[in-house]
Amino acid sequence: MKQSLLVGQHRSLSNSPLVCLQIICAFFYHPIAFLLPNTDLPLWSVVLTTSLCLACLHFVMEKEPPKTKQIPVVVMAFVMSVFWISTTVGELVNCLETSGLVLKLPPAIL
């Protein structure tokens, strides 16, 4: 038997796992109308395609290593990678915290 909701009752969608699924799907299928009008391409596909094209172009065009000193470039690249890893981890922790709040999980589990 199906239970019907009475007039004064309503279901809260804030604790539904479907909300989390909708948030994840919105990330992967977010259209980019400002860049390519009248298309339904997800943002990640445009970023991936652009990055691959630029990487292939760099691989084809560059025949010899740069003539600058390598130590400052390597140190700067290391510092930037630490920055990006820190930023990414911070955002992932925030996403997990938000998911825990939506699903009403205790903080000890997260």
C-alpha atoms as a PDB file:
ATOM      1  CA  MET A   1       0.000   0.000   0.000  1.00  0.00           C
ATOM      2  CA  LYS A   2       1.205   3.461  -0.804  1.00  0.00           C
ATOM      3  CA  GLN A   3       1.183   6.018   1.921  1.00  0.00           C
ATOM      4  CA  SER A   4      -0.098   9.387   0.899  1.00  0.00           C
ATOM      5  CA  LEU A   5       1.000  12.616   2.501  1.00  0.00           C
ATOM      6  CA  LEU A   6      -1.598  14.484   4.461  1.00  0.00           C
ATOM      7  CA  VAL A   7      -2.270  18.164   3.769  1.00  0.00           C
ATOM      8  CA  GLY A   8      -0.110  19.460   6.642  1.00  0.00           C
ATOM      9  CA  GLN A   9       2.810  17.101   6.028  1.00  0.00           C
ATOM     10  CA  HIS A  10       5.660  17.425   3.578  1.00  0.00           C
ATOM     11  CA  ARG A  11       8.833  15.518   2.880  1.00  0.00           C
ATOM     12  CA  SER A  12      12.095  17.292   3.394  1.00  0.00           C
ATOM     13  CA  LEU A  13      14.423  16.950   0.435  1.00  0.00           C
ATOM     14  CA  SER A  14      17.400  18.265   2.380  1.00  0.00           C
ATOM     15  CA  ASN A  15      18.107  14.838   3.883  1.00  0.00           C
ATOM     16  CA  SER A  16      17.555  12.878   0.706  1.00  0.00           C
ATOM     17  CA  PRO A  17      20.478  11.155  -1.030  1.00  0.00           C
ATOM     18  CA  LEU A  18      18.937  12.297  -4.315  1.00  0.00           C
ATOM     19  CA  VAL A  19      20.030  15.846  -3.501  1.00  0.00           C
ATOM     20  CA  CYS A  20      23.655  14.669  -3.393  1.00  0.00           C
ATOM     21  CA  LEU A  21      23.199  12.864  -6.689  1.00  0.00           C
ATOM     22  CA  GLN A  22      21.724  16.000  -8.239  1.00  0.00           C
ATOM     23  CA  ILE A  23      24.672  18.096  -7.017  1.00  0.00           C
ATOM     24  CA  ILE A  24      27.174  15.626  -8.501  1.00  0.00           C
ATOM     25  CA  CYS A  25      25.295  15.462 -11.821  1.00  0.00           C
ATOM     26  CA  ALA A  26      25.104  19.248 -11.982  1.00  0.00           C
ATOM     27  CA  PHE A  27      28.892  19.403 -11.757  1.00  0.00           C
ATOM     28  CA  PHE A  28      29.423  17.019 -14.670  1.00  0.00           C
ATOM     29  CA  TYR A  29      26.636  18.313 -16.922  1.00  0.00           C
ATOM     30  CA  HIS A  30      26.912  22.042 -16.400  1.00  0.00           C
ATOM     31  CA  PRO A  31      26.433  23.667 -19.829  1.00  0.00           C
ATOM     32  CA  ILE A  32      28.746  26.512 -20.815  1.00  0.00           C
ATOM     33  CA  ALA A  33      26.443  28.824 -22.708  1.00  0.00           C
ATOM     34  CA  PHE A  34      28.704  31.835 -22.217  1.00  0.00           C
ATOM     35  CA  LEU A  35      31.537  30.266 -24.240  1.00  0.00           C
ATOM     36  CA  LEU A  36      29.778  28.175 -26.870  1.00  0.00           C
ATOM     37  CA  PRO A  37      26.158  29.250 -27.326  1.00  0.00           C
ATOM     38  CA  ASN A  38      23.507  26.671 -28.239  1.00  0.00           C
ATOM     39  CA  THR A  39      25.604  23.697 -27.081  1.00  0.00           C
ATOM     40  CA  ASP A  40      25.177  21.290 -24.216  1.00  0.00           C
ATOM     41  CA  LEU A  41      28.844  20.496 -23.678  1.00  0.00           C
ATOM     42  CA  PRO A  42      29.845  19.957 -20.053  1.00  0.00           C
ATOM     43  CA  LEU A  43      32.463  22.325 -18.714  1.00  0.00           C
ATOM     44  CA  TRP A  44      34.944  19.558 -17.903  1.00  0.00           C
ATOM     45  CA  SER A  45      34.957  18.341 -21.525  1.00  0.00           C
ATOM     46  CA  VAL A  46      35.839  21.800 -22.848  1.00  0.00           C
ATOM     47  CA  VAL A  47      38.620  22.210 -20.274  1.00  0.00           C
ATOM     48  CA  LEU A  48      39.993  18.727 -21.012  1.00  0.00           C
ATOM     49  CA  THR A  49      39.903  19.251 -24.786  1.00  0.00           C
ATOM     50  CA  THR A  50      41.566  22.661 -24.550  1.00  0.00           C
ATOM     51  CA  SER A  51      44.266  21.343 -22.224  1.00  0.00           C
ATOM     52  CA  LEU A  52      45.032  18.384 -24.464  1.00  0.00           C
ATOM     53  CA  CYS A  53      45.236  20.597 -27.550  1.00  0.00           C
ATOM     54  CA  LEU A  54      47.607  23.020 -25.821  1.00  0.00           C
ATOM     55  CA  ALA A  55      49.747  20.142 -24.512  1.00  0.00           C
ATOM     56  CA  CYS A  56      50.019  18.618 -28.010  1.00  0.00           C
ATOM     57  CA  LEU A  57      50.876  22.012 -29.489  1.00  0.00           C
ATOM     58  CA  HIS A  58      53.600  22.514 -26.891  1.00  0.00           C
ATOM     59  CA  PHE A  59      54.971  19.007 -27.544  1.00  0.00           C
ATOM     60  CA  VAL A  60      55.155  19.633 -31.291  1.00  0.00           C
ATOM     61  CA  MET A  61      56.529  23.191 -31.162  1.00  0.00           C
ATOM     62  CA  GLU A  62      59.195  22.824 -28.464  1.00  0.00           C
ATOM     63  CA  LYS A  63      62.270  20.996 -29.744  1.00  0.00           C
ATOM     64  CA  GLU A  64      64.854  21.914 -27.111  1.00  0.00           C
ATOM     65  CA  PRO A  65      64.654  22.744 -23.414  1.00  0.00           C
ATOM     66  CA  PRO A  66      64.495  26.377 -22.331  1.00  0.00           C
ATOM     67  CA  LYS A  67      67.791  28.179 -21.898  1.00  0.00           C
ATOM     68  CA  THR A  68      66.949  29.638 -18.484  1.00  0.00           C
ATOM     69  CA  LYS A  69      68.367  28.324 -15.247  1.00  0.00           C
ATOM     70  CA  GLN A  70      66.350  25.314 -14.134  1.00  0.00           C
ATOM     71  CA  ILE A  71      66.570  25.659 -10.320  1.00  0.00           C
ATOM     72  CA  PRO A  72      64.293  28.747  -9.924  1.00  0.00           C
ATOM     73  CA  VAL A  73      61.757  27.266 -12.338  1.00  0.00           C
ATOM     74  CA  VAL A  74      61.684  23.947 -10.482  1.00  0.00           C
ATOM     75  CA  VAL A  75      61.326  25.655  -7.090  1.00  0.00           C
ATOM     76  CA  MET A  76      58.496  27.837  -8.376  1.00  0.00           C
ATOM     77  CA  ALA A  77      56.759  24.792  -9.903  1.00  0.00           C
ATOM     78  CA  PHE A  78      57.066  22.939  -6.593  1.00  0.00           C
ATOM     79  CA  VAL A  79      55.582  25.848  -4.631  1.00  0.00           C
ATOM     80  CA  MET A  80      52.704  26.141  -7.105  1.00  0.00           C
ATOM     81  CA  SER A  81      52.005  22.392  -6.913  1.00  0.00           C
ATOM     82  CA  VAL A  82      51.877  22.603  -3.108  1.00  0.00           C
ATOM     83  CA  PHE A  83      49.463  25.531  -3.436  1.00  0.00           C
ATOM     84  CA  TRP A  84      47.184  23.678  -5.862  1.00  0.00           C
ATOM     85  CA  ILE A  85      47.210  20.482  -3.795  1.00  0.00           C
ATOM     86  CA  SER A  86      46.355  22.458  -0.662  1.00  0.00           C
ATOM     87  CA  THR A  87      43.532  24.287  -2.429  1.00  0.00           C
ATOM     88  CA  THR A  88      42.109  21.079  -3.903  1.00  0.00           C
ATOM     89  CA  VAL A  89      42.217  19.235  -0.593  1.00  0.00           C
ATOM     90  CA  GLY A  90      40.521  22.164   1.157  1.00  0.00           C
ATOM     91  CA  GLU A  91      37.695  22.152  -1.380  1.00  0.00           C
ATOM     92  CA  LEU A  92      37.273  18.376  -1.099  1.00  0.00           C
ATOM     93  CA  VAL A  93      37.049  18.618   2.682  1.00  0.00           C
ATOM     94  CA  ASN A  94      34.426  21.367   2.337  1.00  0.00           C
ATOM     95  CA  CYS A  95      32.431  19.196  -0.089  1.00  0.00           C
ATOM     96  CA  LEU A  96      32.573  16.234   2.293  1.00  0.00           C
ATOM     97  CA  GLU A  97      31.491  18.432   5.182  1.00  0.00           C
ATOM     98  CA  THR A  98      28.544  19.731   3.162  1.00  0.00           C
ATOM     99  CA  SER A  99      27.591  16.199   2.118  1.00  0.00           C
ATOM    100  CA  GLY A 100      27.693  15.151   5.759  1.00  0.00           C
ATOM    101  CA  LEU A 101      25.398  18.011   6.717  1.00  0.00           C
ATOM    102  CA  VAL A 102      22.937  17.186   3.926  1.00  0.00           C
ATOM    103  CA  LEU A 103      22.875  13.493   4.829  1.00  0.00           C
ATOM    104  CA  LYS A 104      22.871  14.308   8.582  1.00  0.00           C
ATOM    105  CA  LEU A 105      25.961  12.196   9.289  1.00  0.00           C
ATOM    106  CA  PRO A 106      27.839  12.682  12.547  1.00  0.00           C
ATOM    107  CA  PRO A 107      31.198  14.505  12.202  1.00  0.00           C
ATOM    108  CA  ALA A 108      33.046  11.497  13.646  1.00  0.00           C
ATOM    109  CA  ILE A 109      32.276   9.496  10.485  1.00  0.00           C
ATOM    110  CA  LEU A 110      33.618  12.171   8.189  1.00  0.00           C
END
